[in-house]
Amino acid sequence: MPPFDKHLFICCNTRELGHPRGSCNPDGSDALQKAFKKAIAERGLKRVRANKSGCLDQCEKGPSVVVYPDNVWYGKVTEADVNEIIEEHIIGGRPVTRLLMPE
């Protein structure tokens, strides 16, 4: 199989409720990663992969998603943002500026 064109890493790190750094996956359901996988499959994007990631060390800005090879980091991502990221960035090549993680 050829390498992927885009590879998304979705932080699925879980911490206890109320942790001072926050948690990208507070209920442990991996719902955000599953939503990305579903959106990719629905569009038949065979050369795009959405993987669970451990802590990306951006907890205060999470839930965090990083897209490689673009090196684009998204913060505060919700399931409601998934289709926009897929359509605009993954398919259209335009990162979703409102979700870009601050430096």
N, C-alpha and C. Protein backbone atom coordinates (compact mmCIF):
# COMPACT_ATOMS: atom_id res chain seq x y z
N MET A 1 0.84 -1.18 0.00
CA MET A 1 0.00 0.00 0.00
C MET A 1 0.89 1.25 0.00
N PRO A 2 0.58 2.24 -0.82
CA PRO A 2 1.38 3.47 -0.83
C PRO A 2 1.17 4.25 0.47
N PRO A 3 2.11 5.15 0.78
CA PRO A 3 1.95 5.94 2.02
C PRO A 3 0.71 6.83 1.96
N PHE A 4 0.29 7.24 3.12
CA PHE A 4 -0.88 8.11 3.21
C PHE A 4 -0.53 9.51 2.73
N ASP A 5 -1.52 10.19 2.12
CA ASP A 5 -1.36 11.59 1.73
C ASP A 5 -1.47 12.49 2.96
N LYS A 6 -2.40 12.17 3.84
CA LYS A 6 -2.62 12.93 5.07
C LYS A 6 -2.77 11.93 6.22
N HIS A 7 -2.21 12.31 7.34
CA HIS A 7 -2.30 11.48 8.52
C HIS A 7 -2.72 12.37 9.68
N LEU A 8 -3.87 12.10 10.25
CA LEU A 8 -4.39 12.87 11.38
C LEU A 8 -4.14 12.10 12.66
N PHE A 9 -3.65 12.81 13.66
CA PHE A 9 -3.48 12.24 14.99
C PHE A 9 -4.41 13.00 15.92
N ILE A 10 -5.34 12.25 16.52
CA ILE A 10 -6.35 12.83 17.39
C ILE A 10 -6.01 12.42 18.82
N CYS A 11 -5.77 13.40 19.68
CA CYS A 11 -5.42 13.09 21.06
C CYS A 11 -6.59 12.40 21.75
N CYS A 12 -6.30 11.24 22.30
CA CYS A 12 -7.31 10.48 23.04
C CYS A 12 -6.87 10.26 24.48
N ASN A 13 -5.97 11.15 24.95
CA ASN A 13 -5.50 11.05 26.33
C ASN A 13 -6.64 11.37 27.29
N THR A 14 -6.75 10.59 28.33
CA THR A 14 -7.82 10.76 29.31
C THR A 14 -7.22 11.09 30.67
N ARG A 15 -7.78 12.11 31.28
CA ARG A 15 -7.44 12.47 32.66
C ARG A 15 -8.74 12.56 33.44
N GLU A 16 -8.60 12.52 34.76
CA GLU A 16 -9.79 12.60 35.61
C GLU A 16 -10.46 13.97 35.46
N LEU A 17 -11.76 13.98 35.61
CA LEU A 17 -12.55 15.20 35.54
C LEU A 17 -12.01 16.22 36.52
N GLY A 18 -11.85 17.46 36.07
CA GLY A 18 -11.37 18.52 36.92
C GLY A 18 -9.87 18.66 36.97
N HIS A 19 -9.13 17.83 36.22
CA HIS A 19 -7.67 17.95 36.20
C HIS A 19 -7.28 19.34 35.72
N PRO A 20 -6.31 19.99 36.36
CA PRO A 20 -5.97 21.38 36.00
C PRO A 20 -5.52 21.56 34.55
N ARG A 21 -4.97 20.54 33.93
CA ARG A 21 -4.53 20.66 32.53
C ARG A 21 -5.64 20.33 31.54
N GLY A 22 -6.73 19.78 32.02
CA GLY A 22 -7.82 19.37 31.13
C GLY A 22 -7.57 17.99 30.56
N SER A 23 -8.45 17.57 29.67
CA SER A 23 -8.36 16.25 29.05
C SER A 23 -8.96 16.32 27.66
N CYS A 24 -8.25 15.77 26.69
CA CYS A 24 -8.76 15.77 25.32
C CYS A 24 -9.87 14.74 25.12
N ASN A 25 -9.96 13.78 26.02
CA ASN A 25 -10.91 12.67 25.89
C ASN A 25 -11.48 12.34 27.27
N PRO A 26 -12.19 13.30 27.89
CA PRO A 26 -12.56 13.14 29.29
C PRO A 26 -13.43 11.93 29.61
N ASP A 27 -14.26 11.50 28.67
CA ASP A 27 -15.13 10.35 28.97
C ASP A 27 -14.54 9.02 28.49
N GLY A 28 -13.35 9.06 27.87
CA GLY A 28 -12.69 7.84 27.42
C GLY A 28 -13.35 7.16 26.24
N SER A 29 -14.25 7.85 25.55
CA SER A 29 -15.01 7.22 24.46
C SER A 29 -14.30 7.25 23.11
N ASP A 30 -13.27 8.07 22.95
CA ASP A 30 -12.58 8.25 21.67
C ASP A 30 -13.55 8.73 20.58
N ALA A 31 -14.61 9.42 20.97
CA ALA A 31 -15.66 9.84 20.03
C ALA A 31 -15.13 10.74 18.92
N LEU A 32 -14.20 11.62 19.23
CA LEU A 32 -13.68 12.52 18.21
C LEU A 32 -12.91 11.74 17.14
N GLN A 33 -12.06 10.84 17.54
CA GLN A 33 -11.31 10.03 16.58
C GLN A 33 -12.26 9.17 15.74
N LYS A 34 -13.26 8.61 16.36
CA LYS A 34 -14.24 7.80 15.63
C LYS A 34 -15.01 8.65 14.62
N ALA A 35 -15.30 9.89 14.97
CA ALA A 35 -16.00 10.79 14.03
C ALA A 35 -15.13 11.09 12.82
N PHE A 36 -13.83 11.30 13.04
CA PHE A 36 -12.91 11.51 11.91
C PHE A 36 -12.85 10.27 11.03
N LYS A 37 -12.72 9.10 11.63
CA LYS A 37 -12.67 7.86 10.84
C LYS A 37 -13.94 7.69 10.00
N LYS A 38 -15.08 7.97 10.59
CA LYS A 38 -16.35 7.84 9.88
C LYS A 38 -16.42 8.82 8.71
N ALA A 39 -16.04 10.07 8.94
CA ALA A 39 -16.09 11.09 7.88
C ALA A 39 -15.16 10.73 6.73
N ILE A 40 -14.00 10.20 7.05
CA ILE A 40 -13.04 9.79 6.02
C ILE A 40 -13.60 8.63 5.22
N ALA A 41 -14.15 7.64 5.90
CA ALA A 41 -14.72 6.47 5.23
C ALA A 41 -15.91 6.85 4.34
N GLU A 42 -16.78 7.73 4.84
CA GLU A 42 -17.95 8.15 4.07
C GLU A 42 -17.57 8.81 2.74
N ARG A 43 -16.40 9.43 2.73
CA ARG A 43 -15.94 10.12 1.52
C ARG A 43 -15.02 9.25 0.67
N GLY A 44 -14.76 8.03 1.12
CA GLY A 44 -13.93 7.12 0.36
C GLY A 44 -12.48 7.57 0.23
N LEU A 45 -11.98 8.26 1.24
CA LEU A 45 -10.60 8.77 1.20
C LEU A 45 -9.64 7.67 1.65
N LYS A 46 -9.16 6.91 0.71
CA LYS A 46 -8.33 5.74 1.00
C LYS A 46 -6.92 6.10 1.45
N ARG A 47 -6.45 7.29 1.10
CA ARG A 47 -5.07 7.66 1.42
C ARG A 47 -5.00 8.67 2.57
N VAL A 48 -6.03 8.64 3.42
CA VAL A 48 -6.08 9.49 4.61
C VAL A 48 -6.34 8.58 5.80
N ARG A 49 -5.61 8.83 6.87
CA ARG A 49 -5.74 7.98 8.06
C ARG A 49 -5.96 8.86 9.29
N ALA A 50 -6.84 8.44 10.18
CA ALA A 50 -7.10 9.13 11.45
C ALA A 50 -6.77 8.17 12.59
N ASN A 51 -5.68 8.46 13.29
CA ASN A 51 -5.23 7.59 14.37
C ASN A 51 -5.45 8.22 15.73
N LYS A 52 -5.67 7.37 16.72
CA LYS A 52 -5.65 7.80 18.11
C LYS A 52 -4.22 8.16 18.46
N SER A 53 -4.09 9.18 19.25
CA SER A 53 -2.78 9.58 19.73
C SER A 53 -2.81 9.62 21.24
N GLY A 54 -1.67 9.38 21.83
CA GLY A 54 -1.51 9.67 23.24
C GLY A 54 -1.38 11.17 23.40
N CYS A 55 -0.98 11.60 24.55
CA CYS A 55 -0.90 13.02 24.85
C CYS A 55 0.00 13.75 23.85
N LEU A 56 -0.52 14.83 23.28
CA LEU A 56 0.24 15.68 22.37
C LEU A 56 0.82 16.89 23.10
N ASP A 57 0.67 16.91 24.43
CA ASP A 57 1.20 17.95 25.32
C ASP A 57 0.66 19.34 25.00
N GLN A 58 -0.59 19.39 24.59
CA GLN A 58 -1.28 20.65 24.34
C GLN A 58 -2.62 20.62 25.07
N CYS A 59 -2.62 20.06 26.26
CA CYS A 59 -3.85 19.76 27.00
C CYS A 59 -4.76 20.96 27.19
N GLU A 60 -4.17 22.10 27.51
CA GLU A 60 -4.97 23.30 27.77
C GLU A 60 -5.66 23.81 26.50
N LYS A 61 -5.19 23.37 25.35
CA LYS A 61 -5.75 23.81 24.07
C LYS A 61 -6.59 22.72 23.42
N GLY A 62 -6.77 21.61 24.11
CA GLY A 62 -7.43 20.45 23.52
C GLY A 62 -8.94 20.52 23.58
N PRO A 63 -9.56 19.58 22.94
CA PRO A 63 -9.01 18.44 22.23
C PRO A 63 -8.14 18.86 21.04
N SER A 64 -7.01 18.16 20.92
CA SER A 64 -6.00 18.49 19.93
C SER A 64 -6.01 17.50 18.77
N VAL A 65 -5.77 18.05 17.58
CA VAL A 65 -5.64 17.25 16.36
C VAL A 65 -4.48 17.83 15.57
N VAL A 66 -3.60 16.95 15.08
CA VAL A 66 -2.50 17.42 14.23
C VAL A 66 -2.59 16.67 12.89
N VAL A 67 -2.35 17.40 11.81
CA VAL A 67 -2.41 16.83 10.46
C VAL A 67 -1.00 16.86 9.86
N TYR A 68 -0.52 15.68 9.50
CA TYR A 68 0.77 15.55 8.82
C TYR A 68 0.55 15.05 7.41
N PRO A 69 1.38 15.42 6.44
CA PRO A 69 2.66 16.09 6.60
C PRO A 69 2.55 17.61 6.69
N ASP A 70 1.35 18.14 6.81
CA ASP A 70 1.14 19.59 6.79
C ASP A 70 1.65 20.30 8.04
N ASN A 71 1.82 19.55 9.13
CA ASN A 71 2.21 20.13 10.41
C ASN A 71 1.24 21.23 10.85
N VAL A 72 -0.05 20.94 10.68
CA VAL A 72 -1.11 21.85 11.09
C VAL A 72 -1.71 21.31 12.39
N TRP A 73 -1.74 22.16 13.40
CA TRP A 73 -2.27 21.80 14.71
C TRP A 73 -3.59 22.52 14.95
N TYR A 74 -4.60 21.74 15.33
CA TYR A 74 -5.91 22.29 15.65
C TYR A 74 -6.16 22.12 17.15
N GLY A 75 -6.84 23.09 17.75
CA GLY A 75 -7.19 23.03 19.15
C GLY A 75 -8.67 23.28 19.36
N LYS A 76 -9.16 22.83 20.50
CA LYS A 76 -10.58 22.98 20.88
C LYS A 76 -11.50 22.35 19.83
N VAL A 77 -11.06 21.25 19.23
CA VAL A 77 -11.83 20.57 18.18
C VAL A 77 -12.98 19.79 18.81
N THR A 78 -14.15 19.90 18.19
CA THR A 78 -15.33 19.14 18.61
C THR A 78 -15.79 18.27 17.46
N GLU A 79 -16.70 17.36 17.74
CA GLU A 79 -17.27 16.53 16.68
C GLU A 79 -17.96 17.39 15.63
N ALA A 80 -18.49 18.53 16.02
CA ALA A 80 -19.15 19.44 15.07
C ALA A 80 -18.16 20.03 14.07
N ASP A 81 -16.86 20.00 14.36
CA ASP A 81 -15.83 20.56 13.48
C ASP A 81 -15.28 19.55 12.47
N VAL A 82 -15.56 18.29 12.66
CA VAL A 82 -14.93 17.23 11.87
C VAL A 82 -15.19 17.39 10.38
N ASN A 83 -16.43 17.55 9.98
CA ASN A 83 -16.73 17.65 8.54
C ASN A 83 -16.06 18.87 7.90
N GLU A 84 -16.00 19.97 8.63
CA GLU A 84 -15.34 21.15 8.11
C GLU A 84 -13.84 20.90 7.90
N ILE A 85 -13.20 20.26 8.84
CA ILE A 85 -11.77 19.96 8.70
C ILE A 85 -11.55 19.02 7.51
N ILE A 86 -12.38 18.01 7.38
CA ILE A 86 -12.23 17.07 6.27
C ILE A 86 -12.46 17.78 4.93
N GLU A 87 -13.55 18.52 4.82
CA GLU A 87 -13.88 19.18 3.54
C GLU A 87 -12.88 20.28 3.19
N GLU A 88 -12.62 21.17 4.13
CA GLU A 88 -11.78 22.34 3.84
C GLU A 88 -10.30 22.00 3.78
N HIS A 89 -9.81 21.27 4.77
CA HIS A 89 -8.38 21.02 4.84
C HIS A 89 -7.97 19.75 4.09
N ILE A 90 -8.54 18.64 4.47
CA ILE A 90 -8.08 17.37 3.92
C ILE A 90 -8.40 17.27 2.43
N ILE A 91 -9.59 17.66 2.03
CA ILE A 91 -9.97 17.60 0.61
C ILE A 91 -9.58 18.88 -0.11
N GLY A 92 -9.87 20.03 0.48
CA GLY A 92 -9.67 21.31 -0.19
C GLY A 92 -8.28 21.92 -0.06
N GLY A 93 -7.49 21.42 0.89
CA GLY A 93 -6.14 21.93 1.06
C GLY A 93 -6.02 23.25 1.79
N ARG A 94 -7.12 23.70 2.42
CA ARG A 94 -7.12 24.97 3.14
C ARG A 94 -7.37 24.72 4.63
N PRO A 95 -6.35 24.91 5.47
CA PRO A 95 -6.57 24.71 6.90
C PRO A 95 -7.72 25.59 7.42
N VAL A 96 -8.40 25.10 8.41
CA VAL A 96 -9.53 25.80 9.03
C VAL A 96 -8.94 26.78 10.04
N THR A 97 -8.85 28.04 9.64
CA THR A 97 -8.12 29.03 10.44
C THR A 97 -8.71 29.24 11.83
N ARG A 98 -10.02 29.17 11.97
CA ARG A 98 -10.64 29.43 13.28
C ARG A 98 -10.25 28.38 14.32
N LEU A 99 -9.77 27.23 13.88
CA LEU A 99 -9.40 26.15 14.81
C LEU A 99 -7.88 25.99 14.98
N LEU A 100 -7.10 26.79 14.25
CA LEU A 100 -5.65 26.66 14.35
C LEU A 100 -5.20 26.93 15.77
N MET A 101 -4.31 26.09 16.25
CA MET A 101 -3.80 26.23 17.60
C MET A 101 -2.82 27.41 17.64
N PRO A 102 -2.98 28.28 18.62
CA PRO A 102 -2.03 29.38 18.75
C PRO A 102 -0.63 28.85 19.05
N GLU A 103 0.35 29.55 18.56
CA GLU A 103 1.77 29.14 18.78
C GLU A 103 2.08 29.13 20.26
